[in-house]
Amino acid sequence: MQGQRFFVERSFQDAKETAGMDHYQVRGWLAWHHHMAMVMMSTLFLLETRMEQKEPHPLLSCPDIAKLLAHFLPRRDITHEEVFRQMNVRHRQRQAYIDSAYKRQSDG
């Protein structure tokens, strides 16, 4: 049970950071429930997309998907190459963090 807590907390963190779970300004229960329903649907979409892309892109995160959607949907402020370059930089940083964590674990 203790090991599952990380994944639950990570899901809430993704919902807050990427889907706007903590960005609500409502005055009633009905509006709050509507907001939470939209957040949960968008979080489900993000998590299902991560699972579908797990093989070709194992380090793909919810913020990565949100950045890709923000670029490819209505606005195109930066080029496709720049979006992918930024994502690759984040993936290298994430992999370095994972490697460092494993190294600290094996040393300690």
PDB file of N, CA and C in Angstrom:
ATOM      1  N   MET A   1       0.830  -1.198   0.000  1.00  0.00           N
ATOM      2  CA  MET A   1       0.000   0.000   0.000  1.00  0.00           C
ATOM      3  C   MET A   1       0.872   1.258   0.000  1.00  0.00           C
ATOM      4  N   GLN A   2       1.971   1.231   0.750  1.00  0.00           N
ATOM      5  CA  GLN A   2       2.836   2.404   0.842  1.00  0.00           C
ATOM      6  C   GLN A   2       3.412   2.754  -0.527  1.00  0.00           C
ATOM      7  N   GLY A   3       3.745   1.754  -1.337  1.00  0.00           N
ATOM      8  CA  GLY A   3       4.319   2.000  -2.652  1.00  0.00           C
ATOM      9  C   GLY A   3       3.349   2.642  -3.622  1.00  0.00           C
ATOM     10  N   GLN A   4       2.066   2.448  -3.427  1.00  0.00           N
ATOM     11  CA  GLN A   4       1.068   3.016  -4.329  1.00  0.00           C
ATOM     12  C   GLN A   4       0.832   4.493  -4.063  1.00  0.00           C
ATOM     13  N   ARG A   5       1.211   4.971  -2.915  1.00  0.00           N
ATOM     14  CA  ARG A   5       0.963   6.367  -2.558  1.00  0.00           C
ATOM     15  C   ARG A   5       1.647   7.321  -3.533  1.00  0.00           C
ATOM     16  N   PHE A   6       2.868   6.978  -3.966  1.00  0.00           N
ATOM     17  CA  PHE A   6       3.602   7.836  -4.898  1.00  0.00           C
ATOM     18  C   PHE A   6       2.781   8.085  -6.155  1.00  0.00           C
ATOM     19  N   PHE A   7       2.188   7.029  -6.719  1.00  0.00           N
ATOM     20  CA  PHE A   7       1.461   7.170  -7.968  1.00  0.00           C
ATOM     21  C   PHE A   7       0.175   7.983  -7.802  1.00  0.00           C
ATOM     22  N   VAL A   8      -0.474   7.854  -6.666  1.00  0.00           N
ATOM     23  CA  VAL A   8      -1.662   8.660  -6.384  1.00  0.00           C
ATOM     24  C   VAL A   8      -1.272  10.127  -6.264  1.00  0.00           C
ATOM     25  N   GLU A   9      -0.216  10.396  -5.494  1.00  0.00           N
ATOM     26  CA  GLU A   9       0.252  11.776  -5.325  1.00  0.00           C
ATOM     27  C   GLU A   9       0.719  12.361  -6.654  1.00  0.00           C
ATOM     28  N   ARG A  10       1.380  11.547  -7.474  1.00  0.00           N
ATOM     29  CA  ARG A  10       1.855  12.020  -8.778  1.00  0.00           C
ATOM     30  C   ARG A  10       0.675  12.374  -9.679  1.00  0.00           C
ATOM     31  N   SER A  11      -0.397  11.600  -9.615  1.00  0.00           N
ATOM     32  CA  SER A  11      -1.585  11.891 -10.413  1.00  0.00           C
ATOM     33  C   SER A  11      -2.199  13.226 -10.005  1.00  0.00           C
ATOM     34  N   PHE A  12      -2.279  13.480  -8.712  1.00  0.00           N
ATOM     35  CA  PHE A  12      -2.804  14.765  -8.249  1.00  0.00           C
ATOM     36  C   PHE A  12      -1.888  15.913  -8.660  1.00  0.00           C
ATOM     37  N   GLN A  13      -0.583  15.692  -8.602  1.00  0.00           N
ATOM     38  CA  GLN A  13       0.358  16.734  -9.000  1.00  0.00           C
ATOM     39  C   GLN A  13       0.199  17.057 -10.487  1.00  0.00           C
ATOM     40  N   ASP A  14       0.066  16.016 -11.331  1.00  0.00           N
ATOM     41  CA  ASP A  14      -0.155  16.241 -12.762  1.00  0.00           C
ATOM     42  C   ASP A  14      -1.467  16.977 -13.004  1.00  0.00           C
ATOM     43  N   ALA A  15      -2.512  16.601 -12.271  1.00  0.00           N
ATOM     44  CA  ALA A  15      -3.814  17.258 -12.446  1.00  0.00           C
ATOM     45  C   ALA A  15      -3.736  18.734 -12.049  1.00  0.00           C
ATOM     46  N   LYS A  16      -2.976  19.039 -11.007  1.00  0.00           N
ATOM     47  CA  LYS A  16      -2.849  20.432 -10.568  1.00  0.00           C
ATOM     48  C   LYS A  16      -1.995  21.240 -11.538  1.00  0.00           C
ATOM     49  N   GLU A  17      -0.844  20.693 -11.915  1.00  0.00           N
ATOM     50  CA  GLU A  17       0.092  21.437 -12.749  1.00  0.00           C
ATOM     51  C   GLU A  17      -0.383  21.567 -14.193  1.00  0.00           C
ATOM     52  N   THR A  18      -0.878  20.485 -14.757  1.00  0.00           N
ATOM     53  CA  THR A  18      -1.140  20.448 -16.189  1.00  0.00           C
ATOM     54  C   THR A  18      -2.601  20.687 -16.541  1.00  0.00           C
ATOM     55  N   ALA A  19      -3.507  20.156 -15.753  1.00  0.00           N
ATOM     56  CA  ALA A  19      -4.928  20.241 -16.101  1.00  0.00           C
ATOM     57  C   ALA A  19      -5.659  21.362 -15.365  1.00  0.00           C
ATOM     58  N   GLY A  20      -4.996  22.066 -14.473  1.00  0.00           N
ATOM     59  CA  GLY A  20      -5.621  23.212 -13.812  1.00  0.00           C
ATOM     60  C   GLY A  20      -6.536  22.870 -12.660  1.00  0.00           C
ATOM     61  N   MET A  21      -6.265  21.760 -11.989  1.00  0.00           N
ATOM     62  CA  MET A  21      -7.123  21.365 -10.874  1.00  0.00           C
ATOM     63  C   MET A  21      -7.162  22.428  -9.775  1.00  0.00           C
ATOM     64  N   ASP A  22      -6.070  23.142  -9.592  1.00  0.00           N
ATOM     65  CA  ASP A  22      -6.018  24.146  -8.532  1.00  0.00           C
ATOM     66  C   ASP A  22      -6.310  25.561  -9.034  1.00  0.00           C
ATOM     67  N   HIS A  23      -6.785  25.693 -10.265  1.00  0.00           N
ATOM     68  CA  HIS A  23      -7.081  27.020 -10.829  1.00  0.00           C
ATOM     69  C   HIS A  23      -8.587  27.224 -10.992  1.00  0.00           C
ATOM     70  N   TYR A  24      -9.284  27.205  -9.922  1.00  0.00           N
ATOM     71  CA  TYR A  24     -10.723  27.421 -10.032  1.00  0.00           C
ATOM     72  C   TYR A  24     -11.128  28.628  -9.202  1.00  0.00           C
ATOM     73  N   GLN A  25     -12.108  29.349  -9.721  1.00  0.00           N
ATOM     74  CA  GLN A  25     -12.691  30.475  -8.995  1.00  0.00           C
ATOM     75  C   GLN A  25     -14.203  30.326  -9.116  1.00  0.00           C
ATOM     76  N   VAL A  26     -14.746  29.529  -8.244  1.00  0.00           N
ATOM     77  CA  VAL A  26     -16.178  29.236  -8.315  1.00  0.00           C
ATOM     78  C   VAL A  26     -16.845  29.684  -7.026  1.00  0.00           C
ATOM     79  N   ARG A  27     -18.154  29.852  -7.108  1.00  0.00           N
ATOM     80  CA  ARG A  27     -18.901  30.315  -5.942  1.00  0.00           C
ATOM     81  C   ARG A  27     -19.911  29.301  -5.439  1.00  0.00           C
ATOM     82  N   GLY A  28     -20.017  28.193  -6.136  1.00  0.00           N
ATOM     83  CA  GLY A  28     -20.998  27.204  -5.689  1.00  0.00           C
ATOM     84  C   GLY A  28     -20.525  25.789  -5.978  1.00  0.00           C
ATOM     85  N   TRP A  29     -21.238  24.849  -5.372  1.00  0.00           N
ATOM     86  CA  TRP A  29     -20.873  23.442  -5.531  1.00  0.00           C
ATOM     87  C   TRP A  29     -21.037  22.970  -6.966  1.00  0.00           C
ATOM     88  N   LEU A  30     -22.068  23.411  -7.646  1.00  0.00           N
ATOM     89  CA  LEU A  30     -22.305  22.953  -9.012  1.00  0.00           C
ATOM     90  C   LEU A  30     -21.141  23.360  -9.922  1.00  0.00           C
ATOM     91  N   ALA A  31     -20.700  24.616  -9.820  1.00  0.00           N
ATOM     92  CA  ALA A  31     -19.574  25.082 -10.639  1.00  0.00           C
ATOM     93  C   ALA A  31     -18.289  24.330 -10.275  1.00  0.00           C
ATOM     94  N   TRP A  32     -18.083  24.073  -8.977  1.00  0.00           N
ATOM     95  CA  TRP A  32     -16.895  23.336  -8.555  1.00  0.00           C
ATOM     96  C   TRP A  32     -16.910  21.925  -9.131  1.00  0.00           C
ATOM     97  N   HIS A  33     -18.079  21.268  -9.079  1.00  0.00           N
ATOM     98  CA  HIS A  33     -18.200  19.917  -9.643  1.00  0.00           C
ATOM     99  C   HIS A  33     -17.962  19.928 -11.154  1.00  0.00           C
ATOM    100  N   HIS A  34     -18.468  20.945 -11.846  1.00  0.00           N
ATOM    101  CA  HIS A  34     -18.219  21.054 -13.291  1.00  0.00           C
ATOM    102  C   HIS A  34     -16.724  21.202 -13.560  1.00  0.00           C
ATOM    103  N   HIS A  35     -16.061  22.050 -12.794  1.00  0.00           N
ATOM    104  CA  HIS A  35     -14.626  22.263 -12.975  1.00  0.00           C
ATOM    105  C   HIS A  35     -13.859  20.964 -12.727  1.00  0.00           C
ATOM    106  N   MET A  36     -14.164  20.284 -11.635  1.00  0.00           N
ATOM    107  CA  MET A  36     -13.465  19.037 -11.304  1.00  0.00           C
ATOM    108  C   MET A  36     -13.725  17.962 -12.359  1.00  0.00           C
ATOM    109  N   ALA A  37     -14.941  17.909 -12.897  1.00  0.00           N
ATOM    110  CA  ALA A  37     -15.238  16.933 -13.952  1.00  0.00           C
ATOM    111  C   ALA A  37     -14.394  17.207 -15.189  1.00  0.00           C
ATOM    112  N   MET A  38     -14.250  18.475 -15.567  1.00  0.00           N
ATOM    113  CA  MET A  38     -13.428  18.820 -16.730  1.00  0.00           C
ATOM    114  C   MET A  38     -11.953  18.494 -16.464  1.00  0.00           C
ATOM    115  N   VAL A  39     -11.481  18.772 -15.257  1.00  0.00           N
ATOM    116  CA  VAL A  39     -10.093  18.456 -14.909  1.00  0.00           C
ATOM    117  C   VAL A  39      -9.867  16.956 -14.978  1.00  0.00           C
ATOM    118  N   MET A  40     -10.790  16.177 -14.441  1.00  0.00           N
ATOM    119  CA  MET A  40     -10.628  14.720 -14.447  1.00  0.00           C
ATOM    120  C   MET A  40     -10.650  14.163 -15.873  1.00  0.00           C
ATOM    121  N   MET A  41     -11.508  14.720 -16.736  1.00  0.00           N
ATOM    122  CA  MET A  41     -11.540  14.255 -18.131  1.00  0.00           C
ATOM    123  C   MET A  41     -10.243  14.609 -18.842  1.00  0.00           C
ATOM    124  N   SER A  42      -9.731  15.814 -18.613  1.00  0.00           N
ATOM    125  CA  SER A  42      -8.479  16.180 -19.279  1.00  0.00           C
ATOM    126  C   SER A  42      -7.310  15.373 -18.726  1.00  0.00           C
ATOM    127  N   THR A  43      -7.306  15.088 -17.437  1.00  0.00           N
ATOM    128  CA  THR A  43      -6.260  14.262 -16.849  1.00  0.00           C
ATOM    129  C   THR A  43      -6.324  12.843 -17.409  1.00  0.00           C
ATOM    130  N   LEU A  44      -7.526  12.322 -17.567  1.00  0.00           N
ATOM    131  CA  LEU A  44      -7.686  10.999 -18.170  1.00  0.00           C
ATOM    132  C   LEU A  44      -7.116  10.986 -19.588  1.00  0.00           C
ATOM    133  N   PHE A  45      -7.405  12.020 -20.359  1.00  0.00           N
ATOM    134  CA  PHE A  45      -6.865  12.117 -21.710  1.00  0.00           C
ATOM    135  C   PHE A  45      -5.338  12.124 -21.686  1.00  0.00           C
ATOM    136  N   LEU A  46      -4.752  12.931 -20.791  1.00  0.00           N
ATOM    137  CA  LEU A  46      -3.296  13.012 -20.701  1.00  0.00           C
ATOM    138  C   LEU A  46      -2.685  11.666 -20.324  1.00  0.00           C
ATOM    139  N   LEU A  47      -3.279  10.993 -19.348  1.00  0.00           N
ATOM    140  CA  LEU A  47      -2.731   9.715 -18.898  1.00  0.00           C
ATOM    141  C   LEU A  47      -2.904   8.618 -19.948  1.00  0.00           C
ATOM    142  N   GLU A  48      -4.037   8.608 -20.645  1.00  0.00           N
ATOM    143  CA  GLU A  48      -4.233   7.620 -21.708  1.00  0.00           C
ATOM    144  C   GLU A  48      -3.249   7.870 -22.849  1.00  0.00           C
ATOM    145  N   THR A  49      -2.996   9.134 -23.163  1.00  0.00           N
ATOM    146  CA  THR A  49      -2.033   9.462 -24.215  1.00  0.00           C
ATOM    147  C   THR A  49      -0.635   9.014 -23.812  1.00  0.00           C
ATOM    148  N   ARG A  50      -0.278   9.231 -22.549  1.00  0.00           N
ATOM    149  CA  ARG A  50       1.029   8.750 -22.061  1.00  0.00           C
ATOM    150  C   ARG A  50       1.141   7.246 -22.204  1.00  0.00           C
ATOM    151  N   MET A  51       0.093   6.524 -21.848  1.00  0.00           N
ATOM    152  CA  MET A  51       0.133   5.061 -21.933  1.00  0.00           C
ATOM    153  C   MET A  51       0.234   4.587 -23.388  1.00  0.00           C
ATOM    154  N   GLU A  52      -0.478   5.257 -24.295  1.00  0.00           N
ATOM    155  CA  GLU A  52      -0.420   4.885 -25.707  1.00  0.00           C
ATOM    156  C   GLU A  52       0.970   5.126 -26.292  1.00  0.00           C
ATOM    157  N   GLN A  53       1.655   6.147 -25.816  1.00  0.00           N
ATOM    158  CA  GLN A  53       2.962   6.532 -26.362  1.00  0.00           C
ATOM    159  C   GLN A  53       4.136   6.005 -25.531  1.00  0.00           C
ATOM    160  N   LYS A  54       3.865   5.072 -24.620  1.00  0.00           N
ATOM    161  CA  LYS A  54       4.897   4.597 -23.703  1.00  0.00           C
ATOM    162  C   LYS A  54       6.045   3.903 -24.427  1.00  0.00           C
ATOM    163  N   GLU A  55       5.743   3.109 -25.453  1.00  0.00           N
ATOM    164  CA  GLU A  55       6.795   2.403 -26.193  1.00  0.00           C
ATOM    165  C   GLU A  55       7.704   3.353 -26.966  1.00  0.00           C
ATOM    166  N   PRO A  56       7.152   4.200 -27.857  1.00  0.00           N
ATOM    167  CA  PRO A  56       8.058   5.051 -28.633  1.00  0.00           C
ATOM    168  C   PRO A  56       8.668   6.206 -27.839  1.00  0.00           C
ATOM    169  N   HIS A  57       7.976   6.669 -26.795  1.00  0.00           N
ATOM    170  CA  HIS A  57       8.452   7.824 -26.020  1.00  0.00           C
ATOM    171  C   HIS A  57       8.314   7.526 -24.523  1.00  0.00           C
ATOM    172  N   PRO A  58       9.234   6.740 -23.943  1.00  0.00           N
ATOM    173  CA  PRO A  58       9.060   6.320 -22.546  1.00  0.00           C
ATOM    174  C   PRO A  58       9.128   7.459 -21.529  1.00  0.00           C
ATOM    175  N   LEU A  59       9.747   8.582 -21.864  1.00  0.00           N
ATOM    176  CA  LEU A  59       9.870   9.688 -20.908  1.00  0.00           C
ATOM    177  C   LEU A  59       8.822  10.765 -21.116  1.00  0.00           C
ATOM    178  N   LEU A  60       7.855  10.523 -21.975  1.00  0.00           N
ATOM    179  CA  LEU A  60       6.809  11.505 -22.242  1.00  0.00           C
ATOM    180  C   LEU A  60       6.008  11.762 -20.967  1.00  0.00           C
ATOM    181  N   SER A  61       5.822  13.030 -20.638  1.00  0.00           N
ATOM    182  CA  SER A  61       5.094  13.384 -19.418  1.00  0.00           C
ATOM    183  C   SER A  61       3.840  14.175 -19.775  1.00  0.00           C
ATOM    184  N   CYS A  62       2.992  14.379 -18.785  1.00  0.00           N
ATOM    185  CA  CYS A  62       1.782  15.180 -19.003  1.00  0.00           C
ATOM    186  C   CYS A  62       2.115  16.612 -19.433  1.00  0.00           C
ATOM    187  N   PRO A  63       3.111  17.278 -18.811  1.00  0.00           N
ATOM    188  CA  PRO A  63       3.470  18.607 -19.307  1.00  0.00           C
ATOM    189  C   PRO A  63       3.974  18.590 -20.760  1.00  0.00           C
ATOM    190  N   ASP A  64       4.662  17.512 -21.152  1.00  0.00           N
ATOM    191  CA  ASP A  64       5.096  17.399 -22.551  1.00  0.00           C
ATOM    192  C   ASP A  64       3.885  17.375 -23.485  1.00  0.00           C
ATOM    193  N   ILE A  65       2.894  16.589 -23.128  1.00  0.00           N
ATOM    194  CA  ILE A  65       1.694  16.474 -23.967  1.00  0.00           C
ATOM    195  C   ILE A  65       0.979  17.820 -24.034  1.00  0.00           C
ATOM    196  N   ALA A  66       0.887  18.507 -22.898  1.00  0.00           N
ATOM    197  CA  ALA A  66       0.235  19.819 -22.889  1.00  0.00           C
ATOM    198  C   ALA A  66       0.990  20.808 -23.777  1.00  0.00           C
ATOM    199  N   LYS A  67       2.329  20.778 -23.729  1.00  0.00           N
ATOM    200  CA  LYS A  67       3.122  21.665 -24.594  1.00  0.00           C
ATOM    201  C   LYS A  67       2.896  21.334 -26.062  1.00  0.00           C
ATOM    202  N   LEU A  68       2.868  20.043 -26.391  1.00  0.00           N
ATOM    203  CA  LEU A  68       2.628  19.640 -27.777  1.00  0.00           C
ATOM    204  C   LEU A  68       1.254  20.099 -28.246  1.00  0.00           C
ATOM    205  N   LEU A  69       0.248  19.917 -27.405  1.00  0.00           N
ATOM    206  CA  LEU A  69      -1.104  20.350 -27.773  1.00  0.00           C
ATOM    207  C   LEU A  69      -1.167  21.863 -27.937  1.00  0.00           C
ATOM    208  N   ALA A  70      -0.516  22.583 -27.034  1.00  0.00           N
ATOM    209  CA  ALA A  70      -0.527  24.046 -27.130  1.00  0.00           C
ATOM    210  C   ALA A  70       0.134  24.513 -28.418  1.00  0.00           C
ATOM    211  N   HIS A  71       1.114  23.772 -28.869  1.00  0.00           N
ATOM    212  CA  HIS A  71       1.789  24.167 -30.106  1.00  0.00           C
ATOM    213  C   HIS A  71       0.985  23.785 -31.350  1.00  0.00           C
ATOM    214  N   PHE A  72       0.496  22.550 -31.373  1.00  0.00           N
ATOM    215  CA  PHE A  72      -0.118  22.052 -32.602  1.00  0.00           C
ATOM    216  C   PHE A  72      -1.579  22.437 -32.763  1.00  0.00           C
ATOM    217  N   LEU A  73      -2.218  22.879 -31.709  1.00  0.00           N
ATOM    218  CA  LEU A  73      -3.611  23.270 -31.857  1.00  0.00           C
ATOM    219  C   LEU A  73      -3.705  24.682 -32.438  1.00  0.00           C
ATOM    220  N   PRO A  74      -4.418  25.599 -31.901  1.00  0.00           N
ATOM    221  CA  PRO A  74      -4.652  26.842 -32.640  1.00  0.00           C
ATOM    222  C   PRO A  74      -3.448  27.750 -32.849  1.00  0.00           C
ATOM    223  N   ARG A  75      -2.557  27.875 -31.882  1.00  0.00           N
ATOM    224  CA  ARG A  75      -1.450  28.820 -31.985  1.00  0.00           C
ATOM    225  C   ARG A  75      -0.193  28.120 -32.475  1.00  0.00           C
ATOM    226  N   ARG A  76       0.584  28.830 -33.265  1.00  0.00           N
ATOM    227  CA  ARG A  76       1.854  28.295 -33.744  1.00  0.00           C
ATOM    228  C   ARG A  76       2.926  29.371 -33.613  1.00  0.00           C
ATOM    229  N   ASP A  77       3.269  29.686 -32.365  1.00  0.00           N
ATOM    230  CA  ASP A  77       4.251  30.735 -32.096  1.00  0.00           C
ATOM    231  C   ASP A  77       5.671  30.309 -32.443  1.00  0.00           C
ATOM    232  N   ILE A  78       5.988  29.027 -32.215  1.00  0.00           N
ATOM    233  CA  ILE A  78       7.332  28.534 -32.488  1.00  0.00           C
ATOM    234  C   ILE A  78       7.262  27.370 -33.464  1.00  0.00           C
ATOM    235  N   THR A  79       8.391  27.041 -34.044  1.00  0.00           N
ATOM    236  CA  THR A  79       8.422  25.992 -35.071  1.00  0.00           C
ATOM    237  C   THR A  79       8.305  24.607 -34.442  1.00  0.00           C
ATOM    238  N   HIS A  80       7.955  23.639 -35.273  1.00  0.00           N
ATOM    239  CA  HIS A  80       7.872  22.246 -34.818  1.00  0.00           C
ATOM    240  C   HIS A  80       9.234  21.789 -34.278  1.00  0.00           C
ATOM    241  N   GLU A  81      10.284  22.162 -34.973  1.00  0.00           N
ATOM    242  CA  GLU A  81      11.627  21.742 -34.560  1.00  0.00           C
ATOM    243  C   GLU A  81      11.956  22.255 -33.163  1.00  0.00           C
ATOM    244  N   GLU A  82      11.566  23.504 -32.866  1.00  0.00           N
ATOM    245  CA  GLU A  82      11.848  24.077 -31.547  1.00  0.00           C
ATOM    246  C   GLU A  82      11.061  23.364 -30.456  1.00  0.00           C
ATOM    247  N   VAL A  83       9.819  23.009 -30.723  1.00  0.00           N
ATOM    248  CA  VAL A  83       9.012  22.280 -29.735  1.00  0.00           C
ATOM    249  C   VAL A  83       9.675  20.946 -29.412  1.00  0.00           C
ATOM    250  N   PHE A  84      10.094  20.217 -30.452  1.00  0.00           N
ATOM    251  CA  PHE A  84      10.725  18.915 -30.230  1.00  0.00           C
ATOM    252  C   PHE A  84      12.107  19.069 -29.592  1.00  0.00           C
ATOM    253  N   ARG A  85      12.831  20.137 -29.928  1.00  0.00           N
ATOM    254  CA  ARG A  85      14.127  20.372 -29.301  1.00  0.00           C
ATOM    255  C   ARG A  85      13.953  20.598 -27.797  1.00  0.00           C
ATOM    256  N   GLN A  86      12.960  21.414 -27.415  1.00  0.00           N
ATOM    257  CA  GLN A  86      12.698  21.672 -26.002  1.00  0.00           C
ATOM    258  C   GLN A  86      12.281  20.395 -25.278  1.00  0.00           C
ATOM    259  N   MET A  87      11.463  19.575 -25.935  1.00  0.00           N
ATOM    260  CA  MET A  87      11.034  18.322 -25.320  1.00  0.00           C
ATOM    261  C   MET A  87      12.228  17.390 -25.128  1.00  0.00           C
ATOM    262  N   ASN A  88      13.121  17.322 -26.107  1.00  0.00           N
ATOM    263  CA  ASN A  88      14.305  16.465 -25.979  1.00  0.00           C
ATOM    264  C   ASN A  88      15.217  16.940 -24.862  1.00  0.00           C
ATOM    265  N   VAL A  89      15.339  18.250 -24.672  1.00  0.00           N
ATOM    266  CA  VAL A  89      16.132  18.786 -23.563  1.00  0.00           C
ATOM    267  C   VAL A  89      15.520  18.333 -22.236  1.00  0.00           C
ATOM    268  N   ARG A  90      14.194  18.452 -22.105  1.00  0.00           N
ATOM    269  CA  ARG A  90      13.521  18.005 -20.875  1.00  0.00           C
ATOM    270  C   ARG A  90      13.717  16.513 -20.657  1.00  0.00           C
ATOM    271  N   HIS A  91      13.685  15.725 -21.723  1.00  0.00           N
ATOM    272  CA  HIS A  91      13.859  14.273 -21.593  1.00  0.00           C
ATOM    273  C   HIS A  91      15.283  13.935 -21.154  1.00  0.00           C
ATOM    274  N   ARG A  92      16.280  14.644 -21.682  1.00  0.00           N
ATOM    275  CA  ARG A  92      17.663  14.410 -21.246  1.00  0.00           C
ATOM    276  C   ARG A  92      17.809  14.759 -19.767  1.00  0.00           C
ATOM    277  N   GLN A  93      17.201  15.876 -19.341  1.00  0.00           N
ATOM    278  CA  GLN A  93      17.264  16.259 -17.931  1.00  0.00           C
ATOM    279  C   GLN A  93      16.568  15.228 -17.049  1.00  0.00           C
ATOM    280  N   ARG A  94      15.405  14.754 -17.503  1.00  0.00           N
ATOM    281  CA  ARG A  94      14.652  13.765 -16.735  1.00  0.00           C
ATOM    282  C   ARG A  94      15.439  12.461 -16.626  1.00  0.00           C
ATOM    283  N   GLN A  95      16.079  12.030 -17.735  1.00  0.00           N
ATOM    284  CA  GLN A  95      16.861  10.802 -17.704  1.00  0.00           C
ATOM    285  C   GLN A  95      18.069  10.956 -16.794  1.00  0.00           C
ATOM    286  N   ALA A  96      18.700  12.128 -16.811  1.00  0.00           N
ATOM    287  CA  ALA A  96      19.835  12.380 -15.921  1.00  0.00           C
ATOM    288  C   ALA A  96      19.386  12.318 -14.461  1.00  0.00           C
ATOM    289  N   TYR A  97      18.212  12.836 -14.160  1.00  0.00           N
ATOM    290  CA  TYR A  97      17.682  12.777 -12.796  1.00  0.00           C
ATOM    291  C   TYR A  97      17.416  11.326 -12.384  1.00  0.00           C
ATOM    292  N   ILE A  98      16.829  10.552 -13.286  1.00  0.00           N
ATOM    293  CA  ILE A  98      16.550   9.138 -12.994  1.00  0.00           C
ATOM    294  C   ILE A  98      17.852   8.390 -12.744  1.00  0.00           C
ATOM    295  N   ASP A  99      18.847   8.605 -13.605  1.00  0.00           N
ATOM    296  CA  ASP A  99      20.147   7.945 -13.435  1.00  0.00           C
ATOM    297  C   ASP A  99      20.785   8.330 -12.119  1.00  0.00           C
ATOM    298  N   SER A 100      20.699   9.616 -11.769  1.00  0.00           N
ATOM    299  CA  SER A 100      21.275  10.093 -10.524  1.00  0.00           C
ATOM    300  C   SER A 100      20.582   9.463  -9.318  1.00  0.00           C
ATOM    301  N   ALA A 101      19.260   9.344  -9.398  1.00  0.00           N
ATOM    302  CA  ALA A 101      18.503   8.741  -8.289  1.00  0.00           C
ATOM    303  C   ALA A 101      18.907   7.271  -8.117  1.00  0.00           C
ATOM    304  N   TYR A 102      19.054   6.539  -9.217  1.00  0.00           N
ATOM    305  CA  TYR A 102      19.472   5.136  -9.125  1.00  0.00           C
ATOM    306  C   TYR A 102      20.899   5.035  -8.552  1.00  0.00           C
ATOM    307  N   LYS A 103      21.771   5.951  -8.955  1.00  0.00           N
ATOM    308  CA  LYS A 103      23.131   5.943  -8.450  1.00  0.00           C
ATOM    309  C   LYS A 103      23.152   6.211  -6.941  1.00  0.00           C
ATOM    310  N   ARG A 104      22.366   7.215  -6.507  1.00  0.00           N
ATOM    311  CA  ARG A 104      22.298   7.509  -5.062  1.00  0.00           C
ATOM    312  C   ARG A 104      21.752   6.316  -4.303  1.00  0.00           C
ATOM    313  N   GLN A 105      20.780   5.617  -4.894  1.00  0.00           N
ATOM    314  CA  GLN A 105      20.180   4.459  -4.239  1.00  0.00           C
ATOM    315  C   GLN A 105      21.205   3.334  -4.069  1.00  0.00           C
ATOM    316  N   SER A 106      21.993   3.097  -5.127  1.00  0.00           N
ATOM    317  CA  SER A 106      22.960   2.001  -5.061  1.00  0.00           C
ATOM    318  C   SER A 106      24.155   2.354  -4.177  1.00  0.00           C
ATOM    319  N   ASP A 107      24.489   3.654  -4.062  1.00  0.00           N
ATOM    320  CA  ASP A 107      25.605   4.070  -3.218  1.00  0.00           C
ATOM    321  C   ASP A 107      25.238   4.051  -1.735  1.00  0.00           C
ATOM    322  N   GLY A 108      23.976   4.318  -1.450  1.00  0.00           N
ATOM    323  CA  GLY A 108      23.561   4.462  -0.048  1.00  0.00           C
ATOM    324  C   GLY A 108      23.130   3.220   0.542  1.00  0.00           C
TER     325      GLY A 108
END
